[in-house]
Amino acid sequence: MPAGKPISLQTVSRRLHEGGLFARRPVVCVPLSLAHVRALLHWAREHRSWTPEQWCRVLFTDESRFNMNDSRRAMLWREPGTRYRAPNIVERDHYRGGRWLVWAGIATNGRTDLHVFAFRHSCSISRRNPTHCCAAFYRCNGY
């Protein structure tokens, strides 16, 4: 193809597909410091010999954050099977704009309700104290 001749986006996309590259959204993760990694590993080692009876008294919680008006819908071209390689991961530790936080907990014998929090300011999201949710869960399950 002669230099300087315009080509369509579809032609570029087709050529990249022929070369084994496909447009995908990058994996987004929250960066962990070395101190976080050490603390997680320490916790896992302390609890590796727990019995099922001990684990049944534990409530595991998790939260997910969603940005409904995220204009950063960047795509990257990558080969199949390379999703979790370092160049294909975007680290993000803050969320700006309209956000939603979803929180829930599970245990061996039940789960909490799903809680949804809406945030409208562009400040960072702080961890919520779900004590009332945990207390209700434990009351319902005989703890």
N, C-alpha and C. Protein backbone atom coordinates (compact mmCIF):
# COMPACT_ATOMS: atom_id res chain seq x y z
N MET A 1 0.85 -1.17 0.00
CA MET A 1 0.00 0.00 0.00
C MET A 1 0.90 1.23 0.00
N PRO A 2 0.61 2.18 -0.83
CA PRO A 2 1.44 3.39 -0.92
C PRO A 2 1.38 4.21 0.37
N ALA A 3 2.53 4.81 0.71
CA ALA A 3 2.59 5.64 1.92
C ALA A 3 1.70 6.86 1.76
N GLY A 4 1.05 7.25 2.85
CA GLY A 4 0.22 8.45 2.83
C GLY A 4 -1.20 8.21 2.35
N LYS A 5 -1.51 7.01 1.87
CA LYS A 5 -2.87 6.73 1.41
C LYS A 5 -3.74 6.39 2.62
N PRO A 6 -4.90 7.04 2.77
CA PRO A 6 -5.74 6.74 3.92
C PRO A 6 -6.36 5.35 3.82
N ILE A 7 -6.44 4.68 4.96
CA ILE A 7 -7.09 3.37 5.02
C ILE A 7 -8.16 3.42 6.11
N SER A 8 -9.14 2.57 6.00
CA SER A 8 -10.25 2.61 6.95
C SER A 8 -9.88 1.89 8.24
N LEU A 9 -10.63 2.22 9.29
CA LEU A 9 -10.46 1.57 10.57
C LEU A 9 -10.77 0.07 10.45
N GLN A 10 -11.74 -0.28 9.64
CA GLN A 10 -12.11 -1.67 9.43
C GLN A 10 -10.95 -2.46 8.81
N THR A 11 -10.22 -1.84 7.88
CA THR A 11 -9.07 -2.50 7.26
C THR A 11 -7.98 -2.77 8.29
N VAL A 12 -7.70 -1.79 9.14
CA VAL A 12 -6.69 -1.95 10.19
C VAL A 12 -7.12 -3.07 11.13
N SER A 13 -8.37 -3.04 11.54
CA SER A 13 -8.89 -4.07 12.44
C SER A 13 -8.79 -5.45 11.81
N ARG A 14 -9.15 -5.58 10.56
CA ARG A 14 -9.09 -6.87 9.87
C ARG A 14 -7.65 -7.38 9.81
N ARG A 15 -6.70 -6.52 9.50
CA ARG A 15 -5.29 -6.92 9.42
C ARG A 15 -4.76 -7.36 10.79
N LEU A 16 -5.15 -6.65 11.84
CA LEU A 16 -4.72 -7.04 13.19
C LEU A 16 -5.31 -8.39 13.57
N HIS A 17 -6.58 -8.63 13.21
CA HIS A 17 -7.20 -9.94 13.47
C HIS A 17 -6.45 -11.05 12.74
N GLU A 18 -6.09 -10.78 11.50
CA GLU A 18 -5.34 -11.77 10.72
C GLU A 18 -4.01 -12.10 11.38
N GLY A 19 -3.44 -11.12 12.09
CA GLY A 19 -2.17 -11.33 12.80
C GLY A 19 -2.36 -11.93 14.19
N GLY A 20 -3.60 -12.24 14.57
CA GLY A 20 -3.85 -12.87 15.86
C GLY A 20 -4.06 -11.90 17.01
N LEU A 21 -4.31 -10.62 16.72
CA LEU A 21 -4.56 -9.63 17.77
C LEU A 21 -6.03 -9.23 17.76
N PHE A 22 -6.59 -9.04 18.97
CA PHE A 22 -8.00 -8.72 19.09
C PHE A 22 -8.18 -7.57 20.08
N ALA A 23 -9.14 -6.69 19.83
CA ALA A 23 -9.41 -5.56 20.71
C ALA A 23 -10.15 -6.04 21.94
N ARG A 24 -9.61 -5.76 23.10
CA ARG A 24 -10.21 -6.16 24.36
C ARG A 24 -10.05 -5.03 25.37
N ARG A 25 -10.94 -5.00 26.35
CA ARG A 25 -10.77 -4.05 27.44
C ARG A 25 -9.70 -4.57 28.38
N PRO A 26 -8.88 -3.69 28.93
CA PRO A 26 -7.84 -4.16 29.86
C PRO A 26 -8.44 -4.62 31.18
N VAL A 27 -7.74 -5.51 31.86
CA VAL A 27 -8.12 -5.93 33.21
C VAL A 27 -7.82 -4.76 34.13
N VAL A 28 -8.76 -4.45 35.03
CA VAL A 28 -8.56 -3.37 35.98
C VAL A 28 -8.39 -3.98 37.36
N CYS A 29 -7.35 -3.58 38.06
CA CYS A 29 -7.11 -4.10 39.40
C CYS A 29 -6.71 -2.98 40.33
N VAL A 30 -6.86 -3.21 41.61
CA VAL A 30 -6.41 -2.27 42.62
C VAL A 30 -5.00 -2.68 43.01
N PRO A 31 -4.04 -1.76 42.93
CA PRO A 31 -2.66 -2.13 43.24
C PRO A 31 -2.48 -2.46 44.72
N LEU A 32 -1.73 -3.52 45.01
CA LEU A 32 -1.41 -3.90 46.38
C LEU A 32 0.04 -3.56 46.67
N SER A 33 0.25 -2.95 47.82
CA SER A 33 1.62 -2.66 48.21
C SER A 33 2.27 -3.94 48.72
N LEU A 34 3.56 -3.92 48.88
CA LEU A 34 4.28 -5.07 49.43
C LEU A 34 3.79 -5.37 50.84
N ALA A 35 3.46 -4.34 51.60
CA ALA A 35 2.94 -4.54 52.96
C ALA A 35 1.60 -5.27 52.93
N HIS A 36 0.73 -4.91 51.95
CA HIS A 36 -0.56 -5.62 51.81
C HIS A 36 -0.34 -7.09 51.50
N VAL A 37 0.56 -7.37 50.58
CA VAL A 37 0.83 -8.75 50.18
C VAL A 37 1.35 -9.55 51.38
N ARG A 38 2.27 -8.96 52.13
CA ARG A 38 2.82 -9.65 53.31
C ARG A 38 1.73 -9.92 54.34
N ALA A 39 0.85 -8.93 54.58
CA ALA A 39 -0.22 -9.10 55.56
C ALA A 39 -1.20 -10.19 55.12
N LEU A 40 -1.54 -10.24 53.85
CA LEU A 40 -2.43 -11.28 53.34
C LEU A 40 -1.81 -12.67 53.48
N LEU A 41 -0.55 -12.77 53.15
CA LEU A 41 0.15 -14.05 53.26
C LEU A 41 0.25 -14.48 54.73
N HIS A 42 0.54 -13.55 55.62
CA HIS A 42 0.60 -13.84 57.05
C HIS A 42 -0.75 -14.35 57.55
N TRP A 43 -1.83 -13.67 57.17
CA TRP A 43 -3.17 -14.08 57.59
C TRP A 43 -3.49 -15.50 57.09
N ALA A 44 -3.16 -15.77 55.83
CA ALA A 44 -3.44 -17.10 55.26
C ALA A 44 -2.66 -18.19 56.00
N ARG A 45 -1.42 -17.93 56.33
CA ARG A 45 -0.62 -18.92 57.05
C ARG A 45 -1.14 -19.16 58.46
N GLU A 46 -1.62 -18.09 59.12
CA GLU A 46 -2.17 -18.25 60.48
C GLU A 46 -3.44 -19.09 60.50
N HIS A 47 -4.21 -19.07 59.41
CA HIS A 47 -5.52 -19.73 59.39
C HIS A 47 -5.57 -21.00 58.57
N ARG A 48 -4.46 -21.48 58.08
CA ARG A 48 -4.49 -22.65 57.19
C ARG A 48 -4.89 -23.93 57.90
N SER A 49 -4.74 -24.01 59.20
CA SER A 49 -5.08 -25.24 59.91
C SER A 49 -6.42 -25.15 60.65
N TRP A 50 -7.22 -24.14 60.35
CA TRP A 50 -8.52 -24.01 60.99
C TRP A 50 -9.44 -25.16 60.60
N THR A 51 -10.30 -25.54 61.52
CA THR A 51 -11.27 -26.61 61.28
C THR A 51 -12.53 -26.02 60.63
N PRO A 52 -13.37 -26.87 60.02
CA PRO A 52 -14.64 -26.38 59.49
C PRO A 52 -15.50 -25.69 60.55
N GLU A 53 -15.43 -26.15 61.79
CA GLU A 53 -16.20 -25.54 62.87
C GLU A 53 -15.74 -24.10 63.12
N GLN A 54 -14.43 -23.87 63.01
CA GLN A 54 -13.93 -22.50 63.19
C GLN A 54 -14.34 -21.62 62.00
N TRP A 55 -14.26 -22.16 60.80
CA TRP A 55 -14.60 -21.38 59.62
C TRP A 55 -16.09 -21.05 59.56
N CYS A 56 -16.95 -21.88 60.17
CA CYS A 56 -18.38 -21.61 60.09
C CYS A 56 -18.79 -20.38 60.89
N ARG A 57 -17.90 -19.85 61.69
CA ARG A 57 -18.19 -18.63 62.46
C ARG A 57 -17.62 -17.38 61.79
N VAL A 58 -17.17 -17.50 60.55
CA VAL A 58 -16.55 -16.39 59.84
C VAL A 58 -17.50 -15.86 58.78
N LEU A 59 -17.60 -14.56 58.70
CA LEU A 59 -18.37 -13.89 57.66
C LEU A 59 -17.39 -13.24 56.69
N PHE A 60 -17.39 -13.67 55.45
CA PHE A 60 -16.55 -13.08 54.42
C PHE A 60 -17.34 -11.99 53.72
N THR A 61 -16.74 -10.82 53.57
CA THR A 61 -17.43 -9.73 52.89
C THR A 61 -16.61 -9.29 51.68
N ASP A 62 -17.31 -8.68 50.75
CA ASP A 62 -16.63 -8.16 49.56
C ASP A 62 -17.41 -6.96 49.07
N GLU A 63 -16.72 -6.12 48.37
CA GLU A 63 -17.36 -4.96 47.77
C GLU A 63 -16.84 -4.79 46.35
N SER A 64 -17.69 -4.27 45.50
CA SER A 64 -17.30 -3.95 44.13
C SER A 64 -17.75 -2.54 43.83
N ARG A 65 -16.96 -1.84 43.07
CA ARG A 65 -17.28 -0.46 42.71
C ARG A 65 -17.52 -0.38 41.21
N PHE A 66 -18.50 0.42 40.85
CA PHE A 66 -18.85 0.58 39.45
C PHE A 66 -18.95 2.07 39.14
N ASN A 67 -18.44 2.45 38.00
CA ASN A 67 -18.54 3.82 37.54
C ASN A 67 -19.45 3.82 36.33
N MET A 68 -20.64 4.38 36.48
CA MET A 68 -21.65 4.32 35.43
C MET A 68 -21.38 5.27 34.26
N ASN A 69 -20.61 6.31 34.48
CA ASN A 69 -20.33 7.25 33.40
C ASN A 69 -18.85 7.31 33.09
N ASP A 70 -18.22 6.17 33.02
CA ASP A 70 -16.78 6.08 32.76
C ASP A 70 -16.51 6.29 31.28
N SER A 71 -15.81 7.36 30.96
CA SER A 71 -15.48 7.63 29.56
C SER A 71 -14.16 6.98 29.16
N ARG A 72 -13.52 6.27 30.08
CA ARG A 72 -12.23 5.63 29.79
C ARG A 72 -12.45 4.21 29.29
N ARG A 73 -13.14 4.07 28.23
CA ARG A 73 -13.42 2.75 27.67
C ARG A 73 -12.33 2.37 26.67
N ALA A 74 -11.11 2.50 27.12
CA ALA A 74 -9.97 2.22 26.26
C ALA A 74 -9.90 0.74 25.92
N MET A 75 -9.53 0.47 24.71
CA MET A 75 -9.35 -0.90 24.25
C MET A 75 -7.86 -1.08 23.97
N LEU A 76 -7.42 -2.31 24.08
CA LEU A 76 -6.05 -2.62 23.71
C LEU A 76 -6.06 -3.85 22.81
N TRP A 77 -5.06 -3.95 22.00
CA TRP A 77 -4.94 -5.08 21.09
C TRP A 77 -4.02 -6.09 21.74
N ARG A 78 -4.52 -7.32 21.90
CA ARG A 78 -3.70 -8.35 22.52
C ARG A 78 -4.01 -9.71 21.91
N GLU A 79 -3.08 -10.63 22.14
CA GLU A 79 -3.27 -12.00 21.66
C GLU A 79 -4.16 -12.76 22.64
N PRO A 80 -4.91 -13.77 22.17
CA PRO A 80 -5.69 -14.59 23.09
C PRO A 80 -4.79 -15.25 24.13
N GLY A 81 -5.29 -15.34 25.37
CA GLY A 81 -4.52 -15.98 26.44
C GLY A 81 -3.54 -15.06 27.14
N THR A 82 -3.54 -13.78 26.82
CA THR A 82 -2.58 -12.85 27.45
C THR A 82 -3.27 -11.83 28.35
N ARG A 83 -4.50 -12.10 28.76
CA ARG A 83 -5.28 -11.14 29.53
C ARG A 83 -4.58 -10.66 30.79
N TYR A 84 -3.94 -11.54 31.53
CA TYR A 84 -3.36 -11.19 32.83
C TYR A 84 -1.87 -10.89 32.77
N ARG A 85 -1.33 -10.66 31.62
CA ARG A 85 0.07 -10.22 31.53
C ARG A 85 0.15 -8.74 31.89
N ALA A 86 1.23 -8.34 32.50
CA ALA A 86 1.39 -6.99 33.04
C ALA A 86 1.03 -5.86 32.06
N PRO A 87 1.42 -5.92 30.80
CA PRO A 87 1.09 -4.80 29.91
C PRO A 87 -0.41 -4.66 29.64
N ASN A 88 -1.18 -5.70 29.94
CA ASN A 88 -2.62 -5.68 29.66
C ASN A 88 -3.46 -5.38 30.89
N ILE A 89 -2.85 -4.95 31.98
CA ILE A 89 -3.55 -4.67 33.22
C ILE A 89 -3.43 -3.18 33.54
N VAL A 90 -4.55 -2.58 33.89
CA VAL A 90 -4.57 -1.18 34.29
C VAL A 90 -4.84 -1.13 35.78
N GLU A 91 -3.95 -0.47 36.54
CA GLU A 91 -4.15 -0.33 37.98
C GLU A 91 -4.95 0.93 38.24
N ARG A 92 -5.98 0.80 39.09
CA ARG A 92 -6.81 1.95 39.41
C ARG A 92 -7.17 1.88 40.89
N ASP A 93 -6.83 2.92 41.64
CA ASP A 93 -7.16 2.93 43.07
C ASP A 93 -8.10 4.06 43.44
N HIS A 94 -8.72 4.67 42.45
CA HIS A 94 -9.71 5.71 42.72
C HIS A 94 -10.76 5.69 41.62
N TYR A 95 -11.93 6.16 41.97
CA TYR A 95 -13.04 6.21 41.02
C TYR A 95 -13.65 7.60 41.08
N ARG A 96 -13.76 8.25 39.96
CA ARG A 96 -14.29 9.61 39.93
C ARG A 96 -15.64 9.61 39.20
N GLY A 97 -16.43 10.64 39.48
CA GLY A 97 -17.73 10.76 38.82
C GLY A 97 -18.79 9.95 39.54
N GLY A 98 -19.89 9.66 38.86
CA GLY A 98 -20.99 8.91 39.45
C GLY A 98 -20.59 7.47 39.71
N ARG A 99 -20.66 7.04 40.96
CA ARG A 99 -20.18 5.70 41.31
C ARG A 99 -21.24 4.95 42.11
N TRP A 100 -21.11 3.65 42.08
CA TRP A 100 -21.94 2.76 42.88
C TRP A 100 -21.01 1.80 43.59
N LEU A 101 -21.31 1.52 44.85
CA LEU A 101 -20.57 0.52 45.60
C LEU A 101 -21.58 -0.56 46.00
N VAL A 102 -21.23 -1.81 45.75
CA VAL A 102 -22.09 -2.93 46.09
C VAL A 102 -21.35 -3.77 47.12
N TRP A 103 -22.04 -4.10 48.24
CA TRP A 103 -21.41 -4.84 49.34
C TRP A 103 -22.30 -6.00 49.75
N ALA A 104 -21.68 -7.14 50.06
CA ALA A 104 -22.41 -8.31 50.57
C ALA A 104 -21.44 -9.19 51.34
N GLY A 105 -22.00 -10.14 52.08
CA GLY A 105 -21.19 -11.08 52.84
C GLY A 105 -21.74 -12.49 52.71
N ILE A 106 -20.84 -13.48 52.85
CA ILE A 106 -21.24 -14.89 52.80
C ILE A 106 -20.56 -15.64 53.95
N ALA A 107 -21.18 -16.72 54.35
CA ALA A 107 -20.61 -17.62 55.35
C ALA A 107 -21.02 -19.03 54.94
N THR A 108 -20.56 -20.02 55.69
CA THR A 108 -20.86 -21.40 55.31
C THR A 108 -22.34 -21.71 55.37
N ASN A 109 -23.09 -20.99 56.20
CA ASN A 109 -24.50 -21.31 56.35
C ASN A 109 -25.46 -20.19 55.94
N GLY A 110 -25.00 -19.23 55.18
CA GLY A 110 -25.90 -18.16 54.76
C GLY A 110 -25.17 -17.00 54.13
N ARG A 111 -25.94 -15.94 53.93
CA ARG A 111 -25.38 -14.73 53.31
C ARG A 111 -26.15 -13.51 53.78
N THR A 112 -25.55 -12.34 53.61
CA THR A 112 -26.22 -11.09 53.94
C THR A 112 -27.04 -10.64 52.74
N ASP A 113 -27.80 -9.60 52.95
CA ASP A 113 -28.47 -8.96 51.82
C ASP A 113 -27.40 -8.23 51.00
N LEU A 114 -27.73 -7.93 49.77
CA LEU A 114 -26.86 -7.14 48.91
C LEU A 114 -27.16 -5.67 49.19
N HIS A 115 -26.13 -4.90 49.49
CA HIS A 115 -26.30 -3.48 49.81
C HIS A 115 -25.66 -2.65 48.71
N VAL A 116 -26.40 -1.65 48.23
CA VAL A 116 -25.93 -0.79 47.15
C VAL A 116 -25.87 0.64 47.68
N PHE A 117 -24.71 1.28 47.51
CA PHE A 117 -24.51 2.66 47.93
C PHE A 117 -24.23 3.49 46.69
N ALA A 118 -24.90 4.63 46.56
CA ALA A 118 -24.66 5.54 45.45
C ALA A 118 -23.83 6.71 45.94
N PHE A 119 -22.83 7.13 45.16
CA PHE A 119 -21.97 8.26 45.50
C PHE A 119 -22.03 9.26 44.36
N ARG A 120 -22.17 10.53 44.69
CA ARG A 120 -22.30 11.54 43.66
C ARG A 120 -21.15 12.55 43.67
N HIS A 121 -20.29 12.52 44.65
CA HIS A 121 -19.17 13.46 44.70
C HIS A 121 -17.92 12.80 44.15
N SER A 122 -16.92 13.62 43.85
CA SER A 122 -15.70 13.04 43.30
C SER A 122 -14.63 12.86 44.37
N CYS A 123 -15.04 12.58 45.59
CA CYS A 123 -14.07 12.25 46.63
C CYS A 123 -13.84 10.74 46.60
N SER A 124 -12.80 10.30 47.26
CA SER A 124 -12.52 8.87 47.24
C SER A 124 -13.55 8.13 48.09
N ILE A 125 -13.80 6.88 47.75
CA ILE A 125 -14.76 6.07 48.49
C ILE A 125 -14.06 5.49 49.71
N SER A 126 -14.60 5.75 50.87
CA SER A 126 -14.03 5.15 52.07
C SER A 126 -14.77 3.86 52.38
N ARG A 127 -14.13 3.00 53.11
CA ARG A 127 -14.78 1.73 53.48
C ARG A 127 -15.98 2.03 54.36
N ARG A 128 -17.07 1.35 54.08
CA ARG A 128 -18.28 1.49 54.89
C ARG A 128 -18.21 0.53 56.07
N ASN A 129 -18.83 0.90 57.16
CA ASN A 129 -18.87 0.03 58.32
C ASN A 129 -20.17 -0.75 58.29
N PRO A 130 -20.15 -1.99 57.82
CA PRO A 130 -21.39 -2.76 57.68
C PRO A 130 -21.79 -3.50 58.95
N THR A 131 -21.49 -2.92 60.12
CA THR A 131 -21.73 -3.61 61.38
C THR A 131 -23.19 -4.02 61.53
N HIS A 132 -24.13 -3.12 61.18
CA HIS A 132 -25.54 -3.46 61.35
C HIS A 132 -25.92 -4.63 60.45
N CYS A 133 -25.33 -4.74 59.27
CA CYS A 133 -25.62 -5.86 58.37
C CYS A 133 -25.08 -7.16 58.96
N CYS A 134 -23.86 -7.10 59.50
CA CYS A 134 -23.26 -8.29 60.10
C CYS A 134 -24.06 -8.73 61.32
N ALA A 135 -24.47 -7.77 62.14
CA ALA A 135 -25.24 -8.11 63.35
C ALA A 135 -26.54 -8.80 62.96
N ALA A 136 -27.22 -8.28 61.93
CA ALA A 136 -28.47 -8.91 61.49
C ALA A 136 -28.20 -10.32 60.97
N PHE A 137 -27.11 -10.51 60.25
CA PHE A 137 -26.76 -11.83 59.73
C PHE A 137 -26.54 -12.81 60.88
N TYR A 138 -25.77 -12.39 61.88
CA TYR A 138 -25.46 -13.28 62.99
C TYR A 138 -26.72 -13.61 63.81
N ARG A 139 -27.59 -12.61 64.01
CA ARG A 139 -28.83 -12.89 64.74
C ARG A 139 -29.68 -13.92 64.02
N CYS A 140 -29.76 -13.82 62.70
CA CYS A 140 -30.58 -14.75 61.91
C CYS A 140 -29.99 -16.14 61.89
N ASN A 141 -28.71 -16.27 62.08
CA ASN A 141 -28.05 -17.57 61.97
C ASN A 141 -27.62 -18.13 63.32
N GLY A 142 -28.12 -17.58 64.40
CA GLY A 142 -27.91 -18.17 65.71
C GLY A 142 -26.56 -17.92 66.35
N TYR A 143 -25.87 -16.86 66.01
CA TYR A 143 -24.57 -16.57 66.62
C TYR A 143 -24.74 -15.66 67.81
